[in-house]
Amino acid sequence: MTRAKERRADFAARMNELGLGYEIVEAVDGRTLDMSKYAANAPLTASQIGCYLSHYKLWQRIIAEKIECAVILEDDAYCHDNFAETVLGITACRWQWDVVLLKRGKRIRLHRIVSPITKECKMVQFKNHSGPATGYCITYTAAKKLVNNIKITNLPVDAAWGHYWKWSGKFYCILPNIVKETGAPTQLQGTAPSLSKRRWRRLKIHIYLWIYYILLRPKKWD
């Protein structure tokens, strides 16, 4: 975001250090949203809805410009030295994929190794929720699937799209991670809610997640 000058400068410096071209796309600022339009999306905060809309806008652009494959990074993403080599390996991989996460989420259980990508990294599939949207590769086909099937819900973007069986997504991750979060504070929302409100929102989100996992998670895996 324009007002996140330090984060933008740090991101640009790292990409230039790696010798990689990039384009900065302005995110949706949660502070500017009319939250009355998103009342049905409780318990999401303005920050989470802004983040959701930011990714959704990029998926729409991929479709509009017929971009075969794109790498999307949030502005708090830090790319490791093997980032470019691994991404090239992903695009050259013969295994059919829609989304490949470049960072593994917490408490993720490995299901199987799908394909080697480089000497250090491999593409894997998980048994449960996939992981964060800090950095990922996405295809044109995946963008169409997501825009057509994943709308603003009661879950953050990285939780909603993780239910990939709902949109027939081929969803994988790279191990070890080639992207990490810098830990910089978010700029998508201005005034943060109180600690008690944040805890209650997290609790409600966890309840939604458990409902999805128990009722909708597939019983069998390929």
C-alpha atoms as a PDB file:
ATOM      1  CA  MET A   1       0.000   0.000   0.000  1.00  0.00           C
ATOM      2  CA  THR A   2       1.131   3.561  -0.694  1.00  0.00           C
ATOM      3  CA  ARG A   3       1.310   4.486   2.998  1.00  0.00           C
ATOM      4  CA  ALA A   4       3.362   1.375   3.830  1.00  0.00           C
ATOM      5  CA  LYS A   5       6.531   3.052   2.620  1.00  0.00           C
ATOM      6  CA  GLU A   6       8.984   1.086   4.759  1.00  0.00           C
ATOM      7  CA  ARG A   7       7.509  -2.290   3.778  1.00  0.00           C
ATOM      8  CA  ARG A   8       7.510  -1.309   0.110  1.00  0.00           C
ATOM      9  CA  ALA A   9      11.131  -0.137   0.291  1.00  0.00           C
ATOM     10  CA  ASP A  10      12.236  -3.353   2.022  1.00  0.00           C
ATOM     11  CA  PHE A  11      10.404  -5.506  -0.538  1.00  0.00           C
ATOM     12  CA  ALA A  12      11.861  -3.576  -3.482  1.00  0.00           C
ATOM     13  CA  ALA A  13      15.368  -3.752  -2.050  1.00  0.00           C
ATOM     14  CA  ARG A  14      15.178  -7.535  -1.655  1.00  0.00           C
ATOM     15  CA  MET A  15      13.785  -8.087  -5.162  1.00  0.00           C
ATOM     16  CA  ASN A  16      16.486  -5.869  -6.643  1.00  0.00           C
ATOM     17  CA  GLU A  17      19.096  -7.767  -4.635  1.00  0.00           C
ATOM     18  CA  LEU A  18      17.869 -10.991  -6.250  1.00  0.00           C
ATOM     19  CA  GLY A  19      17.835  -9.358  -9.680  1.00  0.00           C
ATOM     20  CA  LEU A  20      14.117 -10.019 -10.187  1.00  0.00           C
ATOM     21  CA  GLY A  21      11.581  -7.900 -12.028  1.00  0.00           C
ATOM     22  CA  TYR A  22       8.313  -7.137 -10.247  1.00  0.00           C
ATOM     23  CA  GLU A  23       5.221  -4.952 -10.298  1.00  0.00           C
ATOM     24  CA  ILE A  24       3.688  -3.418  -7.191  1.00  0.00           C
ATOM     25  CA  VAL A  25      -0.107  -3.502  -7.276  1.00  0.00           C
ATOM     26  CA  GLU A  26      -2.014  -1.263  -4.876  1.00  0.00           C
ATOM     27  CA  ALA A  27      -3.910  -3.280  -2.258  1.00  0.00           C
ATOM     28  CA  VAL A  28      -7.472  -2.639  -1.108  1.00  0.00           C
ATOM     29  CA  ASP A  29      -7.314  -0.523   2.043  1.00  0.00           C
ATOM     30  CA  GLY A  30      -9.632  -1.950   4.677  1.00  0.00           C
ATOM     31  CA  ARG A  31     -10.000   1.504   6.247  1.00  0.00           C
ATOM     32  CA  THR A  32     -11.795   2.808   3.149  1.00  0.00           C
ATOM     33  CA  LEU A  33     -14.421   0.042   2.986  1.00  0.00           C
ATOM     34  CA  ASP A  34     -18.068   0.549   3.816  1.00  0.00           C
ATOM     35  CA  MET A  35     -18.323  -2.297   6.314  1.00  0.00           C
ATOM     36  CA  SER A  36     -22.124  -2.215   6.211  1.00  0.00           C
ATOM     37  CA  LYS A  37     -21.834  -3.929   2.821  1.00  0.00           C
ATOM     38  CA  TYR A  38     -19.963  -6.797   4.444  1.00  0.00           C
ATOM     39  CA  ALA A  39     -22.136  -7.349   7.525  1.00  0.00           C
ATOM     40  CA  ALA A  40     -22.812 -10.918   6.405  1.00  0.00           C
ATOM     41  CA  ASN A  41     -19.074 -11.593   6.481  1.00  0.00           C
ATOM     42  CA  ALA A  42     -18.650 -11.322  10.256  1.00  0.00           C
ATOM     43  CA  PRO A  43     -16.381 -12.109  12.032  1.00  0.00           C
ATOM     44  CA  LEU A  44     -13.947 -10.867   9.354  1.00  0.00           C
ATOM     45  CA  THR A  45     -12.306  -7.531  10.123  1.00  0.00           C
ATOM     46  CA  ALA A  46     -11.888  -4.690   7.626  1.00  0.00           C
ATOM     47  CA  SER A  47      -8.233  -5.725   7.360  1.00  0.00           C
ATOM     48  CA  GLN A  48      -9.106  -9.308   6.431  1.00  0.00           C
ATOM     49  CA  ILE A  49     -11.745  -8.243   3.895  1.00  0.00           C
ATOM     50  CA  GLY A  50      -9.289  -5.767   2.367  1.00  0.00           C
ATOM     51  CA  CYS A  51      -6.730  -8.544   2.066  1.00  0.00           C
ATOM     52  CA  TYR A  52      -9.348 -10.850   0.513  1.00  0.00           C
ATOM     53  CA  LEU A  53     -10.371  -8.213  -2.048  1.00  0.00           C
ATOM     54  CA  SER A  54      -6.731  -7.478  -2.887  1.00  0.00           C
ATOM     55  CA  HIS A  55      -6.081 -11.084  -3.880  1.00  0.00           C
ATOM     56  CA  TYR A  56      -9.435 -11.310  -5.648  1.00  0.00           C
ATOM     57  CA  LYS A  57      -8.540  -8.233  -7.723  1.00  0.00           C
ATOM     58  CA  LEU A  58      -5.310  -9.891  -8.836  1.00  0.00           C
ATOM     59  CA  TRP A  59      -7.127 -13.080  -9.837  1.00  0.00           C
ATOM     60  CA  GLN A  60      -9.503 -10.984 -11.944  1.00  0.00           C
ATOM     61  CA  ARG A  61      -6.543  -9.284 -13.623  1.00  0.00           C
ATOM     62  CA  ILE A  62      -4.947 -12.642 -14.459  1.00  0.00           C
ATOM     63  CA  ILE A  63      -8.181 -13.617 -16.203  1.00  0.00           C
ATOM     64  CA  ALA A  64      -8.622 -10.293 -18.000  1.00  0.00           C
ATOM     65  CA  GLU A  65      -5.039 -10.246 -19.307  1.00  0.00           C
ATOM     66  CA  LYS A  66      -4.955 -14.019 -19.947  1.00  0.00           C
ATOM     67  CA  ILE A  67      -1.776 -14.427 -17.879  1.00  0.00           C
ATOM     68  CA  GLU A  68      -0.764 -18.082 -18.071  1.00  0.00           C
ATOM     69  CA  CYS A  69       1.028 -18.128 -14.718  1.00  0.00           C
ATOM     70  CA  ALA A  70       1.769 -15.501 -12.067  1.00  0.00           C
ATOM     71  CA  VAL A  71       3.636 -15.232  -8.775  1.00  0.00           C
ATOM     72  CA  ILE A  72       1.796 -13.190  -6.129  1.00  0.00           C
ATOM     73  CA  LEU A  73       3.658 -11.913  -3.065  1.00  0.00           C
ATOM     74  CA  GLU A  74       2.293  -9.882  -0.172  1.00  0.00           C
ATOM     75  CA  ASP A  75       4.416  -6.903   0.812  1.00  0.00           C
ATOM     76  CA  ASP A  76       5.692  -8.564   3.986  1.00  0.00           C
ATOM     77  CA  ALA A  77       7.138 -11.473   1.974  1.00  0.00           C
ATOM     78  CA  TYR A  78      10.887 -12.093   2.088  1.00  0.00           C
ATOM     79  CA  CYS A  79      12.209 -14.297  -0.719  1.00  0.00           C
ATOM     80  CA  HIS A  80      15.064 -16.708  -0.053  1.00  0.00           C
ATOM     81  CA  ASP A  81      18.106 -16.913  -2.313  1.00  0.00           C
ATOM     82  CA  ASN A  82      16.736 -19.933  -4.195  1.00  0.00           C
ATOM     83  CA  PHE A  83      13.430 -18.209  -4.981  1.00  0.00           C
ATOM     84  CA  ALA A  84      13.928 -17.685  -8.734  1.00  0.00           C
ATOM     85  CA  GLU A  85      15.355 -21.153  -9.345  1.00  0.00           C
ATOM     86  CA  THR A  86      12.474 -22.801  -7.505  1.00  0.00           C
ATOM     87  CA  VAL A  87       9.756 -20.783  -9.251  1.00  0.00           C
ATOM     88  CA  LEU A  88      11.257 -21.692 -12.626  1.00  0.00           C
ATOM     89  CA  GLY A  89      11.230 -25.322 -11.515  1.00  0.00           C
ATOM     90  CA  ILE A  90       7.553 -25.060 -10.583  1.00  0.00           C
ATOM     91  CA  THR A  91       6.575 -23.620 -13.976  1.00  0.00           C
ATOM     92  CA  ALA A  92       8.557 -26.366 -15.739  1.00  0.00           C
ATOM     93  CA  CYS A  93       7.078 -29.143 -13.598  1.00  0.00           C
ATOM     94  CA  ARG A  94       5.018 -31.658 -15.597  1.00  0.00           C
ATOM     95  CA  TRP A  95       2.745 -32.305 -12.638  1.00  0.00           C
ATOM     96  CA  GLN A  96      -0.542 -30.475 -13.191  1.00  0.00           C
ATOM     97  CA  TRP A  97      -1.171 -27.812 -10.555  1.00  0.00           C
ATOM     98  CA  ASP A  98      -3.408 -24.781  -9.958  1.00  0.00           C
ATOM     99  CA  VAL A  99      -1.835 -23.105  -6.920  1.00  0.00           C
ATOM    100  CA  VAL A 100       1.545 -23.764  -5.324  1.00  0.00           C
ATOM    101  CA  LEU A 101       2.173 -22.060  -1.998  1.00  0.00           C
ATOM    102  CA  LEU A 102       5.715 -20.866  -1.389  1.00  0.00           C
ATOM    103  CA  LYS A 103       5.335 -20.844   2.390  1.00  0.00           C
ATOM    104  CA  ARG A 104       4.015 -23.631   4.583  1.00  0.00           C
ATOM    105  CA  GLY A 105       1.371 -22.850   7.176  1.00  0.00           C
ATOM    106  CA  LYS A 106       1.495 -23.774  10.846  1.00  0.00           C
ATOM    107  CA  ARG A 107       0.242 -27.143  12.100  1.00  0.00           C
ATOM    108  CA  ILE A 108       0.138 -28.615   8.588  1.00  0.00           C
ATOM    109  CA  ARG A 109       0.214 -32.379   8.156  1.00  0.00           C
ATOM    110  CA  LEU A 110       2.079 -33.761   5.142  1.00  0.00           C
ATOM    111  CA  HIS A 111       0.089 -36.138   2.949  1.00  0.00           C
ATOM    112  CA  ARG A 112       2.549 -36.999   0.172  1.00  0.00           C
ATOM    113  CA  ILE A 113       5.467 -35.756  -1.909  1.00  0.00           C
ATOM    114  CA  VAL A 114       4.234 -34.990  -5.416  1.00  0.00           C
ATOM    115  CA  SER A 115       7.349 -34.069  -7.388  1.00  0.00           C
ATOM    116  CA  PRO A 116      10.947 -32.876  -6.946  1.00  0.00           C
ATOM    117  CA  ILE A 117      11.431 -29.277  -8.108  1.00  0.00           C
ATOM    118  CA  THR A 118      15.106 -28.552  -7.403  1.00  0.00           C
ATOM    119  CA  LYS A 119      17.830 -30.368  -5.487  1.00  0.00           C
ATOM    120  CA  GLU A 120      16.622 -28.715  -2.281  1.00  0.00           C
ATOM    121  CA  CYS A 121      12.882 -28.270  -2.831  1.00  0.00           C
ATOM    122  CA  LYS A 122       9.938 -30.531  -3.570  1.00  0.00           C
ATOM    123  CA  MET A 123       6.250 -30.066  -4.296  1.00  0.00           C
ATOM    124  CA  VAL A 124       4.037 -31.636  -1.633  1.00  0.00           C
ATOM    125  CA  GLN A 125       0.363 -32.113  -0.793  1.00  0.00           C
ATOM    126  CA  PHE A 126      -1.097 -31.728   2.695  1.00  0.00           C
ATOM    127  CA  LYS A 127      -3.908 -33.489   4.472  1.00  0.00           C
ATOM    128  CA  ASN A 128      -5.450 -30.401   6.015  1.00  0.00           C
ATOM    129  CA  HIS A 129      -5.657 -26.625   5.522  1.00  0.00           C
ATOM    130  CA  SER A 130      -3.059 -25.530   3.004  1.00  0.00           C
ATOM    131  CA  GLY A 131      -1.358 -22.426   4.354  1.00  0.00           C
ATOM    132  CA  PRO A 132      -1.012 -18.625   4.127  1.00  0.00           C
ATOM    133  CA  ALA A 133      -1.240 -16.407   1.040  1.00  0.00           C
ATOM    134  CA  THR A 134       2.123 -14.728   1.745  1.00  0.00           C
ATOM    135  CA  GLY A 135       3.465 -15.977  -1.577  1.00  0.00           C
ATOM    136  CA  TYR A 136       2.152 -18.362  -4.224  1.00  0.00           C
ATOM    137  CA  CYS A 137       2.233 -19.349  -7.877  1.00  0.00           C
ATOM    138  CA  ILE A 138      -1.146 -19.406  -9.588  1.00  0.00           C
ATOM    139  CA  THR A 139      -2.293 -20.393 -13.077  1.00  0.00           C
ATOM    140  CA  TYR A 140      -4.887 -18.771 -15.327  1.00  0.00           C
ATOM    141  CA  THR A 141      -7.124 -21.807 -14.861  1.00  0.00           C
ATOM    142  CA  ALA A 142      -6.890 -21.510 -11.071  1.00  0.00           C
ATOM    143  CA  ALA A 143      -7.764 -17.804 -11.157  1.00  0.00           C
ATOM    144  CA  LYS A 144     -10.926 -18.594 -13.121  1.00  0.00           C
ATOM    145  CA  LYS A 145     -11.874 -21.363 -10.673  1.00  0.00           C
ATOM    146  CA  LEU A 146     -11.352 -19.092  -7.672  1.00  0.00           C
ATOM    147  CA  VAL A 147     -13.251 -16.103  -9.083  1.00  0.00           C
ATOM    148  CA  ASN A 148     -16.150 -18.322 -10.138  1.00  0.00           C
ATOM    149  CA  ASN A 149     -16.386 -20.295  -6.895  1.00  0.00           C
ATOM    150  CA  ILE A 150     -14.740 -18.464  -3.986  1.00  0.00           C
ATOM    151  CA  LYS A 151     -16.548 -15.290  -2.917  1.00  0.00           C
ATOM    152  CA  ILE A 152     -16.122 -13.238   0.245  1.00  0.00           C
ATOM    153  CA  THR A 153     -17.039 -15.624   3.031  1.00  0.00           C
ATOM    154  CA  ASN A 154     -16.806 -15.806   6.803  1.00  0.00           C
ATOM    155  CA  LEU A 155     -13.192 -16.950   6.529  1.00  0.00           C
ATOM    156  CA  PRO A 156      -9.946 -15.140   5.667  1.00  0.00           C
ATOM    157  CA  VAL A 157      -8.715 -15.671   2.099  1.00  0.00           C
ATOM    158  CA  ASP A 158      -6.052 -18.200   3.071  1.00  0.00           C
ATOM    159  CA  ALA A 159      -8.644 -20.262   4.953  1.00  0.00           C
ATOM    160  CA  ALA A 160     -11.399 -20.060   2.336  1.00  0.00           C
ATOM    161  CA  TRP A 161      -9.249 -21.007  -0.655  1.00  0.00           C
ATOM    162  CA  GLY A 162      -7.711 -23.805   1.384  1.00  0.00           C
ATOM    163  CA  HIS A 163     -10.958 -25.750   0.899  1.00  0.00           C
ATOM    164  CA  TYR A 164      -9.713 -26.545  -2.579  1.00  0.00           C
ATOM    165  CA  TRP A 165     -11.997 -29.561  -2.996  1.00  0.00           C
ATOM    166  CA  LYS A 166     -14.889 -27.090  -3.201  1.00  0.00           C
ATOM    167  CA  TRP A 167     -13.482 -25.405  -6.314  1.00  0.00           C
ATOM    168  CA  SER A 168     -11.735 -28.487  -7.784  1.00  0.00           C
ATOM    169  CA  GLY A 169      -8.353 -26.953  -7.132  1.00  0.00           C
ATOM    170  CA  LYS A 170      -5.040 -28.768  -7.482  1.00  0.00           C
ATOM    171  CA  PHE A 171      -3.412 -27.227  -4.439  1.00  0.00           C
ATOM    172  CA  TYR A 172       0.193 -27.867  -3.385  1.00  0.00           C
ATOM    173  CA  CYS A 173       3.086 -26.340  -1.457  1.00  0.00           C
ATOM    174  CA  ILE A 174       6.861 -26.084  -1.738  1.00  0.00           C
ATOM    175  CA  LEU A 175       9.094 -27.520   0.977  1.00  0.00           C
ATOM    176  CA  PRO A 176      11.258 -26.172   2.407  1.00  0.00           C
ATOM    177  CA  ASN A 177       9.778 -22.667   2.276  1.00  0.00           C
ATOM    178  CA  ILE A 178      11.260 -20.223  -0.240  1.00  0.00           C
ATOM    179  CA  VAL A 179       9.290 -17.292   1.222  1.00  0.00           C
ATOM    180  CA  LYS A 180       8.903 -16.099   4.797  1.00  0.00           C
ATOM    181  CA  GLU A 181       7.067 -13.237   6.491  1.00  0.00           C
ATOM    182  CA  THR A 182       9.115 -10.297   7.674  1.00  0.00           C
ATOM    183  CA  GLY A 183       6.836  -9.740  10.667  1.00  0.00           C
ATOM    184  CA  ALA A 184       6.090  -6.119   9.738  1.00  0.00           C
ATOM    185  CA  PRO A 185       2.727  -4.842  11.062  1.00  0.00           C
ATOM    186  CA  THR A 186      -0.202  -4.848   8.632  1.00  0.00           C
ATOM    187  CA  GLN A 187      -1.292  -1.659   6.876  1.00  0.00           C
ATOM    188  CA  LEU A 188      -4.662  -2.905   5.627  1.00  0.00           C
ATOM    189  CA  GLN A 189      -6.562  -1.474   8.570  1.00  0.00           C
ATOM    190  CA  GLY A 190      -5.982   1.613  10.685  1.00  0.00           C
ATOM    191  CA  THR A 191      -7.137   1.271  14.282  1.00  0.00           C
ATOM    192  CA  ALA A 192      -6.725  -2.259  15.577  1.00  0.00           C
ATOM    193  CA  PRO A 193      -9.587  -3.796  17.580  1.00  0.00           C
ATOM    194  CA  SER A 194      -9.148  -4.382  21.286  1.00  0.00           C
ATOM    195  CA  LEU A 195      -7.474  -7.545  22.549  1.00  0.00           C
ATOM    196  CA  SER A 196     -10.776  -9.009  23.767  1.00  0.00           C
ATOM    197  CA  LYS A 197     -12.410  -8.363  20.378  1.00  0.00           C
ATOM    198  CA  ARG A 198      -9.488  -9.926  18.524  1.00  0.00           C
ATOM    199  CA  ARG A 199      -9.666 -13.021  20.726  1.00  0.00           C
ATOM    200  CA  TRP A 200     -13.423 -13.345  20.162  1.00  0.00           C
ATOM    201  CA  ARG A 201     -13.014 -12.966  16.398  1.00  0.00           C
ATOM    202  CA  ARG A 202     -10.279 -15.610  16.359  1.00  0.00           C
ATOM    203  CA  LEU A 203     -12.513 -17.927  18.383  1.00  0.00           C
ATOM    204  CA  LYS A 204     -15.425 -17.465  15.951  1.00  0.00           C
ATOM    205  CA  ILE A 205     -13.127 -18.029  12.969  1.00  0.00           C
ATOM    206  CA  HIS A 206     -11.828 -21.224  14.592  1.00  0.00           C
ATOM    207  CA  ILE A 207     -15.398 -22.389  15.094  1.00  0.00           C
ATOM    208  CA  TYR A 208     -16.121 -21.810  11.399  1.00  0.00           C
ATOM    209  CA  LEU A 209     -12.952 -23.684  10.462  1.00  0.00           C
ATOM    210  CA  TRP A 210     -13.878 -26.661  12.612  1.00  0.00           C
ATOM    211  CA  ILE A 211     -17.343 -26.781  11.047  1.00  0.00           C
ATOM    212  CA  TYR A 212     -15.803 -26.815   7.580  1.00  0.00           C
ATOM    213  CA  TYR A 213     -13.231 -29.446   8.496  1.00  0.00           C
ATOM    214  CA  ILE A 214     -15.755 -31.758  10.130  1.00  0.00           C
ATOM    215  CA  LEU A 215     -18.570 -31.445   7.593  1.00  0.00           C
ATOM    216  CA  LEU A 216     -16.884 -30.632   4.288  1.00  0.00           C
ATOM    217  CA  ARG A 217     -13.391 -32.039   4.279  1.00  0.00           C
ATOM    218  CA  PRO A 218     -13.092 -34.950   1.830  1.00  0.00           C
ATOM    219  CA  LYS A 219     -12.810 -38.415   3.307  1.00  0.00           C
ATOM    220  CA  LYS A 220     -10.546 -39.832   0.629  1.00  0.00           C
ATOM    221  CA  TRP A 221      -7.430 -38.606  -1.075  1.00  0.00           C
ATOM    222  CA  ASP A 222      -5.969 -39.466  -4.459  1.00  0.00           C
END
